[in-house]
């Protein structure tokens, strides 16, 4: 399973479609708030996803706030920042988190996703 965490529902729909093109056997769960995704991890009531695609700029709890809370949890999975930001400071900041495996500038495209899923052994 892949979690998409982005406050933009259209982006979540597009990204879900891109994932289904590359790997239609991988289920996707989309969250429009970082808080609701974090709650899933804290509840630990369901199986963990294999990967998270996380936006930075979201209201209330942004991507950095999510990561700061997420790194304190016991069970962690791979995180890829998926952001419209092209600010080099955001890319550098993402590299300070051990759980972040990469930084992708939106949009998520089939070629890049395919490369990531192959590298991660998911396809």
Protein backbone atom coordinates (compact mmCIF):
# COMPACT_ATOMS: atom_id res chain seq x y z
CA UNK A 1 0.00 0.00 0.00
CA UNK A 2 1.07 3.57 -0.71
CA UNK A 3 -0.14 6.58 1.28
CA UNK A 4 -0.57 9.89 -0.50
CA UNK A 5 -0.60 12.87 1.85
CA UNK A 6 -1.58 16.06 0.06
CA UNK A 7 -4.30 18.59 0.84
CA UNK A 8 -5.10 18.88 -2.88
CA UNK A 9 -7.70 16.26 -3.76
CA UNK A 10 -7.03 16.65 -7.49
CA UNK A 11 -3.33 15.91 -6.96
CA UNK A 12 -4.28 12.82 -4.95
CA UNK A 13 -6.53 11.66 -7.80
CA UNK A 14 -3.85 12.26 -10.40
CA UNK A 15 -1.18 10.54 -8.32
CA UNK A 16 -3.48 7.59 -7.65
CA UNK A 17 -3.97 7.25 -11.39
CA UNK A 18 -0.21 7.42 -12.06
CA UNK A 19 0.38 4.71 -9.47
CA UNK A 20 -2.32 2.50 -11.03
CA UNK A 21 -0.64 2.87 -14.44
CA UNK A 22 2.73 1.75 -13.08
CA UNK A 23 1.57 -0.83 -10.54
CA UNK A 24 -2.15 -1.54 -10.55
CA UNK A 25 -1.65 -4.19 -7.85
CA UNK A 26 -0.54 -1.65 -5.23
CA UNK A 27 -3.43 -0.18 -3.25
CA UNK A 28 -3.39 3.55 -2.54
CA UNK A 29 -4.89 5.48 0.35
CA UNK A 30 -5.07 9.25 -0.01
CA UNK A 31 -5.21 11.72 2.87
CA UNK A 32 -6.06 15.39 2.51
CA UNK A 33 -4.51 16.21 5.88
CA UNK A 34 -1.27 15.20 7.51
CA UNK A 35 -3.11 14.88 10.82
CA UNK A 36 -5.41 12.14 9.57
CA UNK A 37 -2.49 10.19 8.09
CA UNK A 38 -0.49 10.54 11.29
CA UNK A 39 -3.49 9.30 13.25
CA UNK A 40 -3.49 6.09 11.17
CA UNK A 41 0.10 5.44 12.23
CA UNK A 42 -0.57 6.28 15.86
CA UNK A 43 -3.64 4.02 15.95
CA UNK A 44 -1.63 1.24 14.36
CA UNK A 45 -4.98 -0.42 13.68
CA UNK A 46 -4.18 -1.37 10.11
CA UNK A 47 -1.22 -2.72 8.22
CA UNK A 48 1.38 -0.08 7.49
CA UNK A 49 1.88 1.15 3.94
CA UNK A 50 5.11 0.36 2.16
CA UNK A 51 5.68 3.96 1.14
CA UNK A 52 4.46 7.52 1.67
CA UNK A 53 4.39 10.40 -0.80
CA UNK A 54 4.23 13.56 1.30
CA UNK A 55 3.47 17.13 0.26
CA UNK A 56 5.18 19.98 2.15
CA UNK A 57 2.73 22.86 1.95
CA UNK A 58 -0.49 21.95 3.72
CA UNK A 59 -2.64 23.86 6.22
CA UNK A 60 -2.48 23.19 9.95
CA UNK A 61 0.15 20.43 9.88
CA UNK A 62 2.58 20.77 6.99
CA UNK A 63 4.92 18.09 5.69
CA UNK A 64 7.74 19.09 8.04
CA UNK A 65 5.41 18.97 11.05
CA UNK A 66 4.28 15.52 9.94
CA UNK A 67 7.88 14.31 9.66
CA UNK A 68 8.78 15.71 13.09
CA UNK A 69 5.92 13.72 14.65
CA UNK A 70 6.41 10.69 12.40
CA UNK A 71 10.08 10.14 13.31
CA UNK A 72 9.03 9.65 16.93
CA UNK A 73 6.86 6.67 16.02
CA UNK A 74 8.10 3.13 16.38
CA UNK A 75 7.07 1.83 12.96
CA UNK A 76 8.29 3.82 10.01
CA UNK A 77 8.21 3.32 6.24
CA UNK A 78 9.92 5.05 3.32
CA UNK A 79 8.89 8.63 2.65
CA UNK A 80 9.26 10.57 -0.57
CA UNK A 81 8.62 14.29 -0.49
CA UNK A 82 6.31 15.16 -3.40
CA UNK A 83 6.10 18.91 -3.61
CA UNK A 84 5.59 21.82 -5.97
CA UNK A 85 8.47 23.53 -4.16
CA UNK A 86 11.65 24.01 -6.15
CA UNK A 87 13.37 25.75 -3.25
CA UNK A 88 16.79 24.19 -2.71
CA UNK A 89 16.39 24.77 1.04
CA UNK A 90 13.40 22.42 1.05
CA UNK A 91 15.40 19.76 -0.76
CA UNK A 92 18.30 20.19 1.68
CA UNK A 93 15.96 20.08 4.67
CA UNK A 94 14.39 16.85 3.41
CA UNK A 95 17.86 15.29 3.37
CA UNK A 96 18.19 15.85 7.13
CA UNK A 97 15.45 13.28 7.79
CA UNK A 98 16.63 9.66 7.75
CA UNK A 99 13.15 8.45 6.79
CA UNK A 100 13.06 10.57 3.62
CA UNK A 101 14.33 8.60 0.64
CA UNK A 102 13.97 11.33 -1.96
CA UNK A 103 12.49 14.63 -3.09
CA UNK A 104 10.27 14.77 -6.16
CA UNK A 105 9.01 17.97 -7.75
CA UNK A 106 5.37 17.71 -8.82
CA UNK A 107 3.93 16.32 -10.93
CA UNK A 108 4.55 12.67 -10.22
CA UNK A 109 5.20 11.10 -13.61
CA UNK A 110 5.07 7.49 -14.72
CA UNK A 111 8.80 7.27 -15.52
CA UNK A 112 9.95 8.62 -12.14
CA UNK A 113 7.46 6.52 -10.19
CA UNK A 114 8.46 3.40 -12.10
CA UNK A 115 12.11 4.09 -11.25
CA UNK A 116 11.29 4.56 -7.55
CA UNK A 117 9.15 1.44 -7.30
CA UNK A 118 11.83 -0.63 -9.05
CA UNK A 119 14.55 0.75 -6.76
CA UNK A 120 12.39 -0.03 -3.72
CA UNK A 121 11.63 -3.54 -5.00
CA UNK A 122 7.88 -2.94 -5.16
CA UNK A 123 7.44 -3.93 -8.85
